[in-house]
Amino acid sequence: MALPPAIGQAFRMAAAELGMRSAARLFLRELMDAGGVSLVHEARDHLGREFPVLDFVAERWLAGEADAPLDPAGVIEALRGVTRLLVVGLEADCLDALVPRLSGVEAGLVTDAGGLDPDFHRVLANYDGLMVPVALSDLQRWAGRRSALLTFVYGTDGHSAHVSPSWLRVSGPDVRTQFRSLIGWDILGRPMTVYPRWMVETSRNDFSRLVGPPPREPAPAAAAGGAGGPRECAPLREAT
Protein backbone atom coordinates (compact mmCIF):
# COMPACT_ATOMS: atom_id res chain seq x y z
CA MET A 1 0.00 0.00 0.00
CA ALA A 2 1.25 3.49 -0.90
CA LEU A 3 0.87 6.60 1.20
CA PRO A 4 -2.29 8.61 0.49
CA PRO A 5 -1.42 11.63 -1.69
CA ALA A 6 -2.77 14.17 0.82
CA ILE A 7 -1.26 12.63 3.94
CA GLY A 8 0.77 15.74 4.71
CA GLN A 9 -2.30 17.95 4.71
CA ALA A 10 -4.20 15.38 6.77
CA PHE A 11 -1.43 15.22 9.36
CA ARG A 12 -1.29 19.00 9.66
CA MET A 13 -5.05 19.14 10.27
CA ALA A 14 -4.80 16.43 12.92
CA ALA A 15 -1.82 18.12 14.57
CA ALA A 16 -3.77 21.39 14.78
CA GLU A 17 -6.41 19.85 17.02
CA LEU A 18 -4.45 17.08 18.74
CA GLY A 19 -0.91 18.40 18.97
CA MET A 20 2.16 17.21 17.07
CA ARG A 21 3.06 14.28 19.31
CA SER A 22 -0.51 13.11 19.79
CA ALA A 23 -1.21 13.27 16.05
CA ALA A 24 2.03 11.42 15.31
CA ARG A 25 1.04 8.52 17.54
CA LEU A 26 -2.40 8.34 15.95
CA PHE A 27 -1.00 8.35 12.42
CA LEU A 28 1.63 5.72 13.22
CA ARG A 29 -1.03 3.39 14.58
CA GLU A 30 -3.10 3.83 11.44
CA LEU A 31 -0.10 3.38 9.12
CA MET A 32 1.02 0.28 10.96
CA ASP A 33 -2.43 -1.25 10.63
CA ALA A 34 -2.63 -0.33 6.94
CA GLY A 35 0.81 -1.27 5.69
CA GLY A 36 3.11 -2.36 8.47
CA VAL A 37 6.65 -1.20 9.16
CA SER A 38 7.44 -0.45 5.52
CA LEU A 39 4.65 2.13 5.36
CA VAL A 40 5.87 3.76 8.58
CA HIS A 41 9.34 4.05 7.05
CA GLU A 42 7.84 5.57 3.90
CA ALA A 43 5.85 8.10 5.92
CA ARG A 44 8.96 9.11 7.83
CA ASP A 45 10.91 9.60 4.60
CA HIS A 46 8.06 11.58 3.04
CA LEU A 47 6.97 13.72 6.00
CA GLY A 48 9.84 13.69 8.48
CA ARG A 49 11.51 16.95 7.49
CA GLU A 50 8.24 18.86 7.39
CA PHE A 51 6.97 17.40 10.67
CA PRO A 52 9.97 16.70 12.92
CA VAL A 53 7.93 15.46 15.88
CA LEU A 54 6.40 12.79 13.63
CA ASP A 55 9.92 11.91 12.49
CA PHE A 56 11.10 11.65 16.10
CA VAL A 57 8.21 9.48 17.28
CA ALA A 58 8.51 7.20 14.25
CA GLU A 59 12.27 6.85 14.73
CA ARG A 60 11.86 5.96 18.39
CA TRP A 61 9.11 3.46 17.69
CA LEU A 62 10.95 1.78 14.82
CA ALA A 63 14.02 1.46 17.06
CA GLY A 64 11.88 -0.48 19.53
CA GLU A 65 12.31 1.86 22.48
CA ALA A 66 9.92 0.93 25.25
CA ASP A 67 7.45 3.43 26.70
CA ALA A 68 5.38 3.04 29.84
CA PRO A 69 1.79 4.34 29.95
CA LEU A 70 1.58 8.12 30.15
CA ASP A 71 1.66 9.26 33.77
CA PRO A 72 1.38 12.98 34.64
CA ALA A 73 2.52 12.42 38.23
CA GLY A 74 5.55 14.69 37.81
CA VAL A 75 3.36 17.53 36.59
CA ILE A 76 0.85 16.96 39.42
CA GLU A 77 3.72 17.19 41.90
CA ALA A 78 4.97 20.42 40.30
CA LEU A 79 1.47 21.86 40.66
CA ARG A 80 1.25 21.27 44.40
CA GLY A 81 -0.29 24.36 46.01
CA VAL A 82 -1.47 25.76 42.65
CA THR A 83 -5.16 26.64 42.29
CA ARG A 84 -5.07 28.08 38.76
CA LEU A 85 -3.33 26.51 35.78
CA LEU A 86 -2.97 28.07 32.37
CA VAL A 87 -1.84 25.68 29.62
CA VAL A 88 0.03 27.05 26.61
CA GLY A 89 0.11 24.74 23.62
CA LEU A 90 -1.88 21.64 22.82
CA GLU A 91 -1.20 17.91 23.22
CA ALA A 92 -4.42 15.95 23.54
CA ASP A 93 -2.83 12.74 24.87
CA CYS A 94 -1.15 14.63 27.68
CA LEU A 95 -4.18 16.77 28.55
CA ASP A 96 -6.40 13.68 28.55
CA ALA A 97 -4.17 12.19 31.24
CA LEU A 98 -3.65 15.39 33.23
CA VAL A 99 -6.89 17.38 33.24
CA PRO A 100 -9.16 14.85 35.01
CA ARG A 101 -6.61 14.73 37.87
CA LEU A 102 -6.56 18.48 38.50
CA SER A 103 -8.67 18.32 41.63
CA GLY A 104 -9.27 21.80 43.04
CA VAL A 105 -7.41 23.47 40.17
CA GLU A 106 -9.11 25.85 37.76
CA ALA A 107 -7.66 25.13 34.31
CA GLY A 108 -7.55 27.21 31.15
CA LEU A 109 -6.11 26.74 27.67
CA VAL A 110 -4.58 29.73 25.90
CA THR A 111 -6.32 30.09 22.55
CA ASP A 112 -3.28 31.05 20.52
CA ALA A 113 -2.80 28.92 17.42
CA GLY A 114 1.01 28.81 17.51
CA GLY A 115 1.26 28.54 13.72
CA LEU A 116 -1.64 26.11 13.26
CA ASP A 117 -5.39 26.76 13.24
CA PRO A 118 -7.26 24.60 15.75
CA ASP A 119 -10.93 24.94 16.62
CA PHE A 120 -10.40 25.52 20.33
CA HIS A 121 -14.07 25.24 21.20
CA ARG A 122 -14.16 21.77 19.66
CA VAL A 123 -10.92 20.84 21.42
CA LEU A 124 -12.21 22.00 24.80
CA ALA A 125 -15.54 20.23 24.34
CA ASN A 126 -13.63 17.00 25.00
CA TYR A 127 -12.98 18.07 28.60
CA ASP A 128 -16.58 18.61 29.71
CA GLY A 129 -15.97 22.03 31.20
CA LEU A 130 -12.81 21.05 33.09
CA MET A 131 -10.85 23.55 30.95
CA VAL A 132 -11.95 26.90 29.59
CA PRO A 133 -10.62 28.99 26.69
CA VAL A 134 -8.41 31.93 27.64
CA ALA A 135 -7.52 34.68 25.19
CA LEU A 136 -4.12 36.35 25.38
CA SER A 137 -5.87 39.56 26.41
CA ASP A 138 -7.18 37.77 29.53
CA LEU A 139 -3.80 36.48 30.67
CA GLN A 140 -3.50 38.90 33.58
CA ARG A 141 -6.74 37.68 35.07
CA TRP A 142 -5.14 34.26 35.55
CA ALA A 143 -2.01 35.54 37.26
CA GLY A 144 -1.46 35.28 40.99
CA ARG A 145 0.55 33.77 43.83
CA ARG A 146 -1.10 30.37 43.35
CA SER A 147 -1.18 30.38 39.56
CA ALA A 148 1.03 28.46 37.15
CA LEU A 149 1.82 28.37 33.44
CA LEU A 150 2.42 25.01 31.77
CA THR A 151 3.70 24.27 28.29
CA PHE A 152 4.89 21.20 26.40
CA VAL A 153 8.61 20.86 25.70
CA TYR A 154 9.73 18.94 22.63
CA GLY A 155 13.13 17.87 23.87
CA THR A 156 15.99 19.68 25.59
CA ASP A 157 19.74 19.40 25.31
CA GLY A 158 20.25 20.63 28.85
CA HIS A 159 20.58 24.27 27.81
CA SER A 160 17.84 25.06 25.30
CA ALA A 161 14.34 23.66 24.87
CA HIS A 162 11.92 23.59 21.95
CA VAL A 163 8.38 24.81 22.58
CA SER A 164 5.32 26.08 20.74
CA PRO A 165 5.66 29.68 19.46
CA SER A 166 2.73 30.51 21.74
CA TRP A 167 5.00 30.11 24.76
CA LEU A 168 7.16 33.07 23.78
CA ARG A 169 4.04 35.24 23.55
CA VAL A 170 3.08 34.63 27.16
CA SER A 171 6.33 34.01 29.05
CA GLY A 172 8.06 37.39 28.92
CA PRO A 173 9.83 38.84 31.98
CA ASP A 174 6.78 40.92 32.90
CA VAL A 175 4.60 37.80 33.00
CA ARG A 176 6.98 35.50 34.85
CA THR A 177 6.87 37.56 38.02
CA GLN A 178 3.08 37.32 38.09
CA PHE A 179 2.89 33.51 38.20
CA ARG A 180 4.07 31.21 40.95
CA SER A 181 5.50 28.59 38.58
CA LEU A 182 6.43 28.22 34.93
CA ILE A 183 6.39 24.50 34.21
CA GLY A 184 7.80 22.72 31.18
CA TRP A 185 6.59 19.17 30.45
CA ASP A 186 9.20 17.47 28.27
CA ILE A 187 7.15 14.98 26.27
CA LEU A 188 9.95 13.71 24.01
CA GLY A 189 12.79 13.20 26.45
CA ARG A 190 15.60 14.27 24.14
CA PRO A 191 16.13 16.65 21.20
CA MET A 192 14.61 15.96 17.81
CA THR A 193 16.95 14.66 15.11
CA VAL A 194 15.85 16.98 12.29
CA TYR A 195 15.35 20.74 12.21
CA PRO A 196 12.54 21.52 14.70
CA ARG A 197 10.10 23.17 12.32
CA TRP A 198 6.91 24.52 13.95
CA MET A 199 8.82 25.04 17.22
CA VAL A 200 10.89 27.84 18.70
CA GLU A 201 13.90 27.65 20.97
CA THR A 202 13.91 28.98 24.49
CA SER A 203 16.25 28.66 27.45
CA ARG A 204 15.80 25.74 29.80
CA ASN A 205 16.23 28.30 32.58
CA ASP A 206 12.95 29.93 31.56
CA PHE A 207 11.19 27.23 33.57
CA SER A 208 10.95 27.15 37.33
CA ARG A 209 10.19 23.42 37.03
CA LEU A 210 10.92 21.02 34.19
CA VAL A 211 9.58 17.47 34.28
CA GLY A 212 10.31 14.74 31.80
CA PRO A 213 10.66 11.01 31.24
CA PRO A 214 13.37 8.92 32.89
CA PRO A 215 15.74 6.72 30.83
CA ARG A 216 13.89 4.18 28.69
CA GLU A 217 14.41 0.46 28.62
CA PRO A 218 15.16 -1.13 25.21
CA ALA A 219 12.54 -3.37 23.63
CA PRO A 220 12.52 -5.60 20.54
CA ALA A 221 12.52 -3.47 17.39
CA ALA A 222 9.21 -3.15 15.56
CA ALA A 223 10.96 -3.98 12.30
CA ALA A 224 11.78 -7.48 13.52
CA GLY A 225 8.23 -8.72 13.23
CA GLY A 226 6.00 -5.71 12.73
CA ALA A 227 4.44 -6.14 16.16
CA GLY A 228 3.64 -3.34 18.50
CA GLY A 229 2.87 0.28 17.81
CA PRO A 230 3.29 3.80 19.11
CA ARG A 231 3.28 3.93 22.88
CA GLU A 232 2.68 6.57 25.53
CA CYS A 233 5.39 8.68 27.20
CA ALA A 234 7.12 7.26 30.22
CA PRO A 235 6.25 8.29 33.79
CA LEU A 236 7.54 11.71 34.65
CA ARG A 237 9.97 12.94 37.25
CA GLU A 238 11.23 16.40 38.04
CA ALA A 239 14.39 17.21 36.12
CA THR A 240 17.49 18.07 38.08
C-alpha atoms as a PDB file:
ATOM      1  CA  MET A   1       0.000   0.000   0.000  1.00  0.00           C
ATOM      2  CA  ALA A   2       1.249   3.492  -0.905  1.00  0.00           C
ATOM      3  CA  LEU A   3       0.872   6.602   1.197  1.00  0.00           C
ATOM      4  CA  PRO A   4      -2.291   8.606   0.486  1.00  0.00           C
ATOM      5  CA  PRO A   5      -1.419  11.631  -1.694  1.00  0.00           C
ATOM      6  CA  ALA A   6      -2.767  14.168   0.820  1.00  0.00           C
ATOM      7  CA  ILE A   7      -1.261  12.627   3.936  1.00  0.00           C
ATOM      8  CA  GLY A   8       0.772  15.740   4.714  1.00  0.00           C
ATOM      9  CA  GLN A   9      -2.304  17.946   4.710  1.00  0.00           C
ATOM     10  CA  ALA A  10      -4.203  15.375   6.766  1.00  0.00           C
ATOM     11  CA  PHE A  11      -1.426  15.223   9.356  1.00  0.00           C
ATOM     12  CA  ARG A  12      -1.290  19.005   9.661  1.00  0.00           C
ATOM     13  CA  MET A  13      -5.050  19.140  10.266  1.00  0.00           C
ATOM     14  CA  ALA A  14      -4.796  16.430  12.915  1.00  0.00           C
ATOM     15  CA  ALA A  15      -1.823  18.121  14.573  1.00  0.00           C
ATOM     16  CA  ALA A  16      -3.773  21.388  14.779  1.00  0.00           C
ATOM     17  CA  GLU A  17      -6.414  19.852  17.019  1.00  0.00           C
ATOM     18  CA  LEU A  18      -4.447  17.080  18.739  1.00  0.00           C
ATOM     19  CA  GLY A  19      -0.905  18.402  18.967  1.00  0.00           C
ATOM     20  CA  MET A  20       2.159  17.210  17.065  1.00  0.00           C
ATOM     21  CA  ARG A  21       3.058  14.281  19.308  1.00  0.00           C
ATOM     22  CA  SER A  22      -0.511  13.110  19.791  1.00  0.00           C
ATOM     23  CA  ALA A  23      -1.208  13.270  16.052  1.00  0.00           C
ATOM     24  CA  ALA A  24       2.034  11.420  15.311  1.00  0.00           C
ATOM     25  CA  ARG A  25       1.038   8.516  17.542  1.00  0.00           C
ATOM     26  CA  LEU A  26      -2.402   8.342  15.950  1.00  0.00           C
ATOM     27  CA  PHE A  27      -0.999   8.346  12.417  1.00  0.00           C
ATOM     28  CA  LEU A  28       1.625   5.722  13.218  1.00  0.00           C
ATOM     29  CA  ARG A  29      -1.028   3.388  14.578  1.00  0.00           C
ATOM     30  CA  GLU A  30      -3.099   3.829  11.436  1.00  0.00           C
ATOM     31  CA  LEU A  31      -0.103   3.382   9.125  1.00  0.00           C
ATOM     32  CA  MET A  32       1.019   0.277  10.964  1.00  0.00           C
ATOM     33  CA  ASP A  33      -2.434  -1.249  10.632  1.00  0.00           C
ATOM     34  CA  ALA A  34      -2.634  -0.329   6.937  1.00  0.00           C
ATOM     35  CA  GLY A  35       0.815  -1.274   5.685  1.00  0.00           C
ATOM     36  CA  GLY A  36       3.110  -2.355   8.472  1.00  0.00           C
ATOM     37  CA  VAL A  37       6.651  -1.198   9.157  1.00  0.00           C
ATOM     38  CA  SER A  38       7.441  -0.447   5.517  1.00  0.00           C
ATOM     39  CA  LEU A  39       4.646   2.133   5.358  1.00  0.00           C
ATOM     40  CA  VAL A  40       5.865   3.757   8.579  1.00  0.00           C
ATOM     41  CA  HIS A  41       9.344   4.046   7.048  1.00  0.00           C
ATOM     42  CA  GLU A  42       7.841   5.571   3.903  1.00  0.00           C
ATOM     43  CA  ALA A  43       5.850   8.098   5.923  1.00  0.00           C
ATOM     44  CA  ARG A  44       8.956   9.108   7.835  1.00  0.00           C
ATOM     45  CA  ASP A  45      10.910   9.596   4.604  1.00  0.00           C
ATOM     46  CA  HIS A  46       8.059  11.585   3.040  1.00  0.00           C
ATOM     47  CA  LEU A  47       6.972  13.721   6.004  1.00  0.00           C
ATOM     48  CA  GLY A  48       9.844  13.692   8.476  1.00  0.00           C
ATOM     49  CA  ARG A  49      11.512  16.954   7.490  1.00  0.00           C
ATOM     50  CA  GLU A  50       8.238  18.857   7.386  1.00  0.00           C
ATOM     51  CA  PHE A  51       6.973  17.400  10.668  1.00  0.00           C
ATOM     52  CA  PRO A  52       9.974  16.703  12.924  1.00  0.00           C
ATOM     53  CA  VAL A  53       7.927  15.461  15.884  1.00  0.00           C
ATOM     54  CA  LEU A  54       6.404  12.792  13.630  1.00  0.00           C
ATOM     55  CA  ASP A  55       9.922  11.909  12.494  1.00  0.00           C
ATOM     56  CA  PHE A  56      11.104  11.645  16.103  1.00  0.00           C
ATOM     57  CA  VAL A  57       8.205   9.483  17.283  1.00  0.00           C
ATOM     58  CA  ALA A  58       8.513   7.199  14.246  1.00  0.00           C
ATOM     59  CA  GLU A  59      12.273   6.848  14.727  1.00  0.00           C
ATOM     60  CA  ARG A  60      11.861   5.958  18.386  1.00  0.00           C
ATOM     61  CA  TRP A  61       9.110   3.455  17.688  1.00  0.00           C
ATOM     62  CA  LEU A  62      10.954   1.780  14.818  1.00  0.00           C
ATOM     63  CA  ALA A  63      14.023   1.460  17.056  1.00  0.00           C
ATOM     64  CA  GLY A  64      11.879  -0.483  19.526  1.00  0.00           C
ATOM     65  CA  GLU A  65      12.314   1.864  22.483  1.00  0.00           C
ATOM     66  CA  ALA A  66       9.924   0.930  25.252  1.00  0.00           C
ATOM     67  CA  ASP A  67       7.447   3.425  26.699  1.00  0.00           C
ATOM     68  CA  ALA A  68       5.377   3.044  29.835  1.00  0.00           C
ATOM     69  CA  PRO A  69       1.795   4.338  29.954  1.00  0.00           C
ATOM     70  CA  LEU A  70       1.582   8.116  30.149  1.00  0.00           C
ATOM     71  CA  ASP A  71       1.658   9.261  33.773  1.00  0.00           C
ATOM     72  CA  PRO A  72       1.379  12.977  34.635  1.00  0.00           C
ATOM     73  CA  ALA A  73       2.522  12.417  38.227  1.00  0.00           C
ATOM     74  CA  GLY A  74       5.547  14.688  37.810  1.00  0.00           C
ATOM     75  CA  VAL A  75       3.359  17.534  36.590  1.00  0.00           C
ATOM     76  CA  ILE A  76       0.854  16.964  39.420  1.00  0.00           C
ATOM     77  CA  GLU A  77       3.725  17.193  41.895  1.00  0.00           C
ATOM     78  CA  ALA A  78       4.971  20.419  40.303  1.00  0.00           C
ATOM     79  CA  LEU A  79       1.466  21.861  40.659  1.00  0.00           C
ATOM     80  CA  ARG A  80       1.255  21.272  44.396  1.00  0.00           C
ATOM     81  CA  GLY A  81      -0.293  24.359  46.006  1.00  0.00           C
ATOM     82  CA  VAL A  82      -1.473  25.759  42.654  1.00  0.00           C
ATOM     83  CA  THR A  83      -5.159  26.643  42.290  1.00  0.00           C
ATOM     84  CA  ARG A  84      -5.074  28.079  38.764  1.00  0.00           C
ATOM     85  CA  LEU A  85      -3.327  26.506  35.783  1.00  0.00           C
ATOM     86  CA  LEU A  86      -2.971  28.070  32.370  1.00  0.00           C
ATOM     87  CA  VAL A  87      -1.836  25.684  29.623  1.00  0.00           C
ATOM     88  CA  VAL A  88       0.033  27.055  26.613  1.00  0.00           C
ATOM     89  CA  GLY A  89       0.115  24.738  23.616  1.00  0.00           C
ATOM     90  CA  LEU A  90      -1.885  21.635  22.819  1.00  0.00           C
ATOM     91  CA  GLU A  91      -1.195  17.911  23.223  1.00  0.00           C
ATOM     92  CA  ALA A  92      -4.422  15.950  23.543  1.00  0.00           C
ATOM     93  CA  ASP A  93      -2.827  12.737  24.868  1.00  0.00           C
ATOM     94  CA  CYS A  94      -1.151  14.629  27.677  1.00  0.00           C
ATOM     95  CA  LEU A  95      -4.175  16.766  28.549  1.00  0.00           C
ATOM     96  CA  ASP A  96      -6.397  13.679  28.549  1.00  0.00           C
ATOM     97  CA  ALA A  97      -4.166  12.194  31.239  1.00  0.00           C
ATOM     98  CA  LEU A  98      -3.652  15.392  33.227  1.00  0.00           C
ATOM     99  CA  VAL A  99      -6.891  17.381  33.242  1.00  0.00           C
ATOM    100  CA  PRO A 100      -9.157  14.851  35.015  1.00  0.00           C
ATOM    101  CA  ARG A 101      -6.615  14.727  37.871  1.00  0.00           C
ATOM    102  CA  LEU A 102      -6.557  18.478  38.503  1.00  0.00           C
ATOM    103  CA  SER A 103      -8.670  18.318  41.635  1.00  0.00           C
ATOM    104  CA  GLY A 104      -9.267  21.797  43.044  1.00  0.00           C
ATOM    105  CA  VAL A 105      -7.409  23.468  40.174  1.00  0.00           C
ATOM    106  CA  GLU A 106      -9.106  25.847  37.756  1.00  0.00           C
ATOM    107  CA  ALA A 107      -7.659  25.127  34.307  1.00  0.00           C
ATOM    108  CA  GLY A 108      -7.551  27.211  31.151  1.00  0.00           C
ATOM    109  CA  LEU A 109      -6.114  26.745  27.672  1.00  0.00           C
ATOM    110  CA  VAL A 110      -4.577  29.727  25.897  1.00  0.00           C
ATOM    111  CA  THR A 111      -6.318  30.093  22.546  1.00  0.00           C
ATOM    112  CA  ASP A 112      -3.280  31.053  20.516  1.00  0.00           C
ATOM    113  CA  ALA A 113      -2.801  28.917  17.424  1.00  0.00           C
ATOM    114  CA  GLY A 114       1.008  28.808  17.509  1.00  0.00           C
ATOM    115  CA  GLY A 115       1.258  28.541  13.721  1.00  0.00           C
ATOM    116  CA  LEU A 116      -1.644  26.107  13.260  1.00  0.00           C
ATOM    117  CA  ASP A 117      -5.388  26.758  13.240  1.00  0.00           C
ATOM    118  CA  PRO A 118      -7.262  24.604  15.749  1.00  0.00           C
ATOM    119  CA  ASP A 119     -10.930  24.941  16.621  1.00  0.00           C
ATOM    120  CA  PHE A 120     -10.402  25.519  20.332  1.00  0.00           C
ATOM    121  CA  HIS A 121     -14.071  25.237  21.203  1.00  0.00           C
ATOM    122  CA  ARG A 122     -14.164  21.773  19.660  1.00  0.00           C
ATOM    123  CA  VAL A 123     -10.923  20.841  21.417  1.00  0.00           C
ATOM    124  CA  LEU A 124     -12.207  21.995  24.797  1.00  0.00           C
ATOM    125  CA  ALA A 125     -15.539  20.227  24.342  1.00  0.00           C
ATOM    126  CA  ASN A 126     -13.633  16.996  24.999  1.00  0.00           C
ATOM    127  CA  TYR A 127     -12.985  18.071  28.603  1.00  0.00           C
ATOM    128  CA  ASP A 128     -16.584  18.613  29.714  1.00  0.00           C
ATOM    129  CA  GLY A 129     -15.970  22.031  31.202  1.00  0.00           C
ATOM    130  CA  LEU A 130     -12.805  21.045  33.091  1.00  0.00           C
ATOM    131  CA  MET A 131     -10.850  23.545  30.954  1.00  0.00           C
ATOM    132  CA  VAL A 132     -11.949  26.895  29.594  1.00  0.00           C
ATOM    133  CA  PRO A 133     -10.625  28.987  26.689  1.00  0.00           C
ATOM    134  CA  VAL A 134      -8.410  31.926  27.641  1.00  0.00           C
ATOM    135  CA  ALA A 135      -7.516  34.679  25.194  1.00  0.00           C
ATOM    136  CA  LEU A 136      -4.116  36.354  25.384  1.00  0.00           C
ATOM    137  CA  SER A 137      -5.873  39.556  26.406  1.00  0.00           C
ATOM    138  CA  ASP A 138      -7.184  37.773  29.532  1.00  0.00           C
ATOM    139  CA  LEU A 139      -3.801  36.482  30.666  1.00  0.00           C
ATOM    140  CA  GLN A 140      -3.495  38.904  33.580  1.00  0.00           C
ATOM    141  CA  ARG A 141      -6.744  37.679  35.066  1.00  0.00           C
ATOM    142  CA  TRP A 142      -5.145  34.263  35.553  1.00  0.00           C
ATOM    143  CA  ALA A 143      -2.009  35.543  37.255  1.00  0.00           C
ATOM    144  CA  GLY A 144      -1.459  35.276  40.994  1.00  0.00           C
ATOM    145  CA  ARG A 145       0.553  33.775  43.831  1.00  0.00           C
ATOM    146  CA  ARG A 146      -1.099  30.368  43.352  1.00  0.00           C
ATOM    147  CA  SER A 147      -1.178  30.385  39.562  1.00  0.00           C
ATOM    148  CA  ALA A 148       1.030  28.460  37.146  1.00  0.00           C
ATOM    149  CA  LEU A 149       1.817  28.373  33.441  1.00  0.00           C
ATOM    150  CA  LEU A 150       2.416  25.013  31.772  1.00  0.00           C
ATOM    151  CA  THR A 151       3.701  24.268  28.292  1.00  0.00           C
ATOM    152  CA  PHE A 152       4.890  21.198  26.396  1.00  0.00           C
ATOM    153  CA  VAL A 153       8.609  20.863  25.704  1.00  0.00           C
ATOM    154  CA  TYR A 154       9.728  18.944  22.630  1.00  0.00           C
ATOM    155  CA  GLY A 155      13.132  17.874  23.874  1.00  0.00           C
ATOM    156  CA  THR A 156      15.985  19.675  25.587  1.00  0.00           C
ATOM    157  CA  ASP A 157      19.744  19.399  25.313  1.00  0.00           C
ATOM    158  CA  GLY A 158      20.250  20.628  28.854  1.00  0.00           C
ATOM    159  CA  HIS A 159      20.579  24.273  27.811  1.00  0.00           C
ATOM    160  CA  SER A 160      17.837  25.062  25.304  1.00  0.00           C
ATOM    161  CA  ALA A 161      14.342  23.662  24.868  1.00  0.00           C
ATOM    162  CA  HIS A 162      11.916  23.591  21.949  1.00  0.00           C
ATOM    163  CA  VAL A 163       8.379  24.810  22.575  1.00  0.00           C
ATOM    164  CA  SER A 164       5.324  26.078  20.744  1.00  0.00           C
ATOM    165  CA  PRO A 165       5.657  29.679  19.463  1.00  0.00           C
ATOM    166  CA  SER A 166       2.729  30.507  21.741  1.00  0.00           C
ATOM    167  CA  TRP A 167       5.000  30.107  24.761  1.00  0.00           C
ATOM    168  CA  LEU A 168       7.162  33.071  23.776  1.00  0.00           C
ATOM    169  CA  ARG A 169       4.042  35.244  23.553  1.00  0.00           C
ATOM    170  CA  VAL A 170       3.082  34.628  27.164  1.00  0.00           C
ATOM    171  CA  SER A 171       6.335  34.007  29.052  1.00  0.00           C
ATOM    172  CA  GLY A 172       8.063  37.392  28.920  1.00  0.00           C
ATOM    173  CA  PRO A 173       9.828  38.843  31.981  1.00  0.00           C
ATOM    174  CA  ASP A 174       6.779  40.921  32.903  1.00  0.00           C
ATOM    175  CA  VAL A 175       4.598  37.803  33.000  1.00  0.00           C
ATOM    176  CA  ARG A 176       6.985  35.501  34.850  1.00  0.00           C
ATOM    177  CA  THR A 177       6.874  37.563  38.021  1.00  0.00           C
ATOM    178  CA  GLN A 178       3.083  37.317  38.087  1.00  0.00           C
ATOM    179  CA  PHE A 179       2.886  33.513  38.199  1.00  0.00           C
ATOM    180  CA  ARG A 180       4.068  31.210  40.954  1.00  0.00           C
ATOM    181  CA  SER A 181       5.502  28.590  38.584  1.00  0.00           C
ATOM    182  CA  LEU A 182       6.429  28.217  34.929  1.00  0.00           C
ATOM    183  CA  ILE A 183       6.394  24.503  34.210  1.00  0.00           C
ATOM    184  CA  GLY A 184       7.797  22.720  31.185  1.00  0.00           C
ATOM    185  CA  TRP A 185       6.594  19.174  30.452  1.00  0.00           C
ATOM    186  CA  ASP A 186       9.203  17.471  28.269  1.00  0.00           C
ATOM    187  CA  ILE A 187       7.149  14.977  26.272  1.00  0.00           C
ATOM    188  CA  LEU A 188       9.948  13.709  24.012  1.00  0.00           C
ATOM    189  CA  GLY A 189      12.792  13.203  26.453  1.00  0.00           C
ATOM    190  CA  ARG A 190      15.601  14.269  24.136  1.00  0.00           C
ATOM    191  CA  PRO A 191      16.132  16.649  21.198  1.00  0.00           C
ATOM    192  CA  MET A 192      14.608  15.960  17.806  1.00  0.00           C
ATOM    193  CA  THR A 193      16.950  14.662  15.113  1.00  0.00           C
ATOM    194  CA  VAL A 194      15.851  16.983  12.288  1.00  0.00           C
ATOM    195  CA  TYR A 195      15.353  20.744  12.210  1.00  0.00           C
ATOM    196  CA  PRO A 196      12.545  21.517  14.697  1.00  0.00           C
ATOM    197  CA  ARG A 197      10.098  23.169  12.320  1.00  0.00           C
ATOM    198  CA  TRP A 198       6.913  24.522  13.953  1.00  0.00           C
ATOM    199  CA  MET A 199       8.825  25.039  17.217  1.00  0.00           C
ATOM    200  CA  VAL A 200      10.888  27.836  18.697  1.00  0.00           C
ATOM    201  CA  GLU A 201      13.897  27.651  20.971  1.00  0.00           C
ATOM    202  CA  THR A 202      13.907  28.978  24.487  1.00  0.00           C
ATOM    203  CA  SER A 203      16.253  28.662  27.445  1.00  0.00           C
ATOM    204  CA  ARG A 204      15.800  25.739  29.803  1.00  0.00           C
ATOM    205  CA  ASN A 205      16.229  28.296  32.575  1.00  0.00           C
ATOM    206  CA  ASP A 206      12.948  29.932  31.556  1.00  0.00           C
ATOM    207  CA  PHE A 207      11.195  27.231  33.566  1.00  0.00           C
ATOM    208  CA  SER A 208      10.954  27.145  37.329  1.00  0.00           C
ATOM    209  CA  ARG A 209      10.186  23.419  37.028  1.00  0.00           C
ATOM    210  CA  LEU A 210      10.924  21.017  34.192  1.00  0.00           C
ATOM    211  CA  VAL A 211       9.579  17.467  34.276  1.00  0.00           C
ATOM    212  CA  GLY A 212      10.305  14.740  31.797  1.00  0.00           C
ATOM    213  CA  PRO A 213      10.665  11.005  31.236  1.00  0.00           C
ATOM    214  CA  PRO A 214      13.371   8.918  32.893  1.00  0.00           C
ATOM    215  CA  PRO A 215      15.740   6.718  30.833  1.00  0.00           C
ATOM    216  CA  ARG A 216      13.895   4.183  28.687  1.00  0.00           C
ATOM    217  CA  GLU A 217      14.412   0.462  28.618  1.00  0.00           C
ATOM    218  CA  PRO A 218      15.161  -1.131  25.211  1.00  0.00           C
ATOM    219  CA  ALA A 219      12.542  -3.374  23.631  1.00  0.00           C
ATOM    220  CA  PRO A 220      12.523  -5.601  20.537  1.00  0.00           C
ATOM    221  CA  ALA A 221      12.522  -3.474  17.387  1.00  0.00           C
ATOM    222  CA  ALA A 222       9.208  -3.154  15.559  1.00  0.00           C
ATOM    223  CA  ALA A 223      10.961  -3.982  12.297  1.00  0.00           C
ATOM    224  CA  ALA A 224      11.780  -7.481  13.520  1.00  0.00           C
ATOM    225  CA  GLY A 225       8.231  -8.721  13.231  1.00  0.00           C
ATOM    226  CA  GLY A 226       5.996  -5.714  12.726  1.00  0.00           C
ATOM    227  CA  ALA A 227       4.440  -6.136  16.156  1.00  0.00           C
ATOM    228  CA  GLY A 228       3.643  -3.343  18.496  1.00  0.00           C
ATOM    229  CA  GLY A 229       2.865   0.282  17.812  1.00  0.00           C
ATOM    230  CA  PRO A 230       3.292   3.797  19.114  1.00  0.00           C
ATOM    231  CA  ARG A 231       3.281   3.932  22.884  1.00  0.00           C
ATOM    232  CA  GLU A 232       2.681   6.574  25.535  1.00  0.00           C
ATOM    233  CA  CYS A 233       5.390   8.680  27.200  1.00  0.00           C
ATOM    234  CA  ALA A 234       7.124   7.259  30.223  1.00  0.00           C
ATOM    235  CA  PRO A 235       6.253   8.290  33.791  1.00  0.00           C
ATOM    236  CA  LEU A 236       7.535  11.714  34.652  1.00  0.00           C
ATOM    237  CA  ARG A 237       9.966  12.941  37.249  1.00  0.00           C
ATOM    238  CA  GLU A 238      11.229  16.398  38.040  1.00  0.00           C
ATOM    239  CA  ALA A 239      14.385  17.212  36.123  1.00  0.00           C
ATOM    240  CA  THR A 240      17.488  18.074  38.080  1.00  0.00           C
END
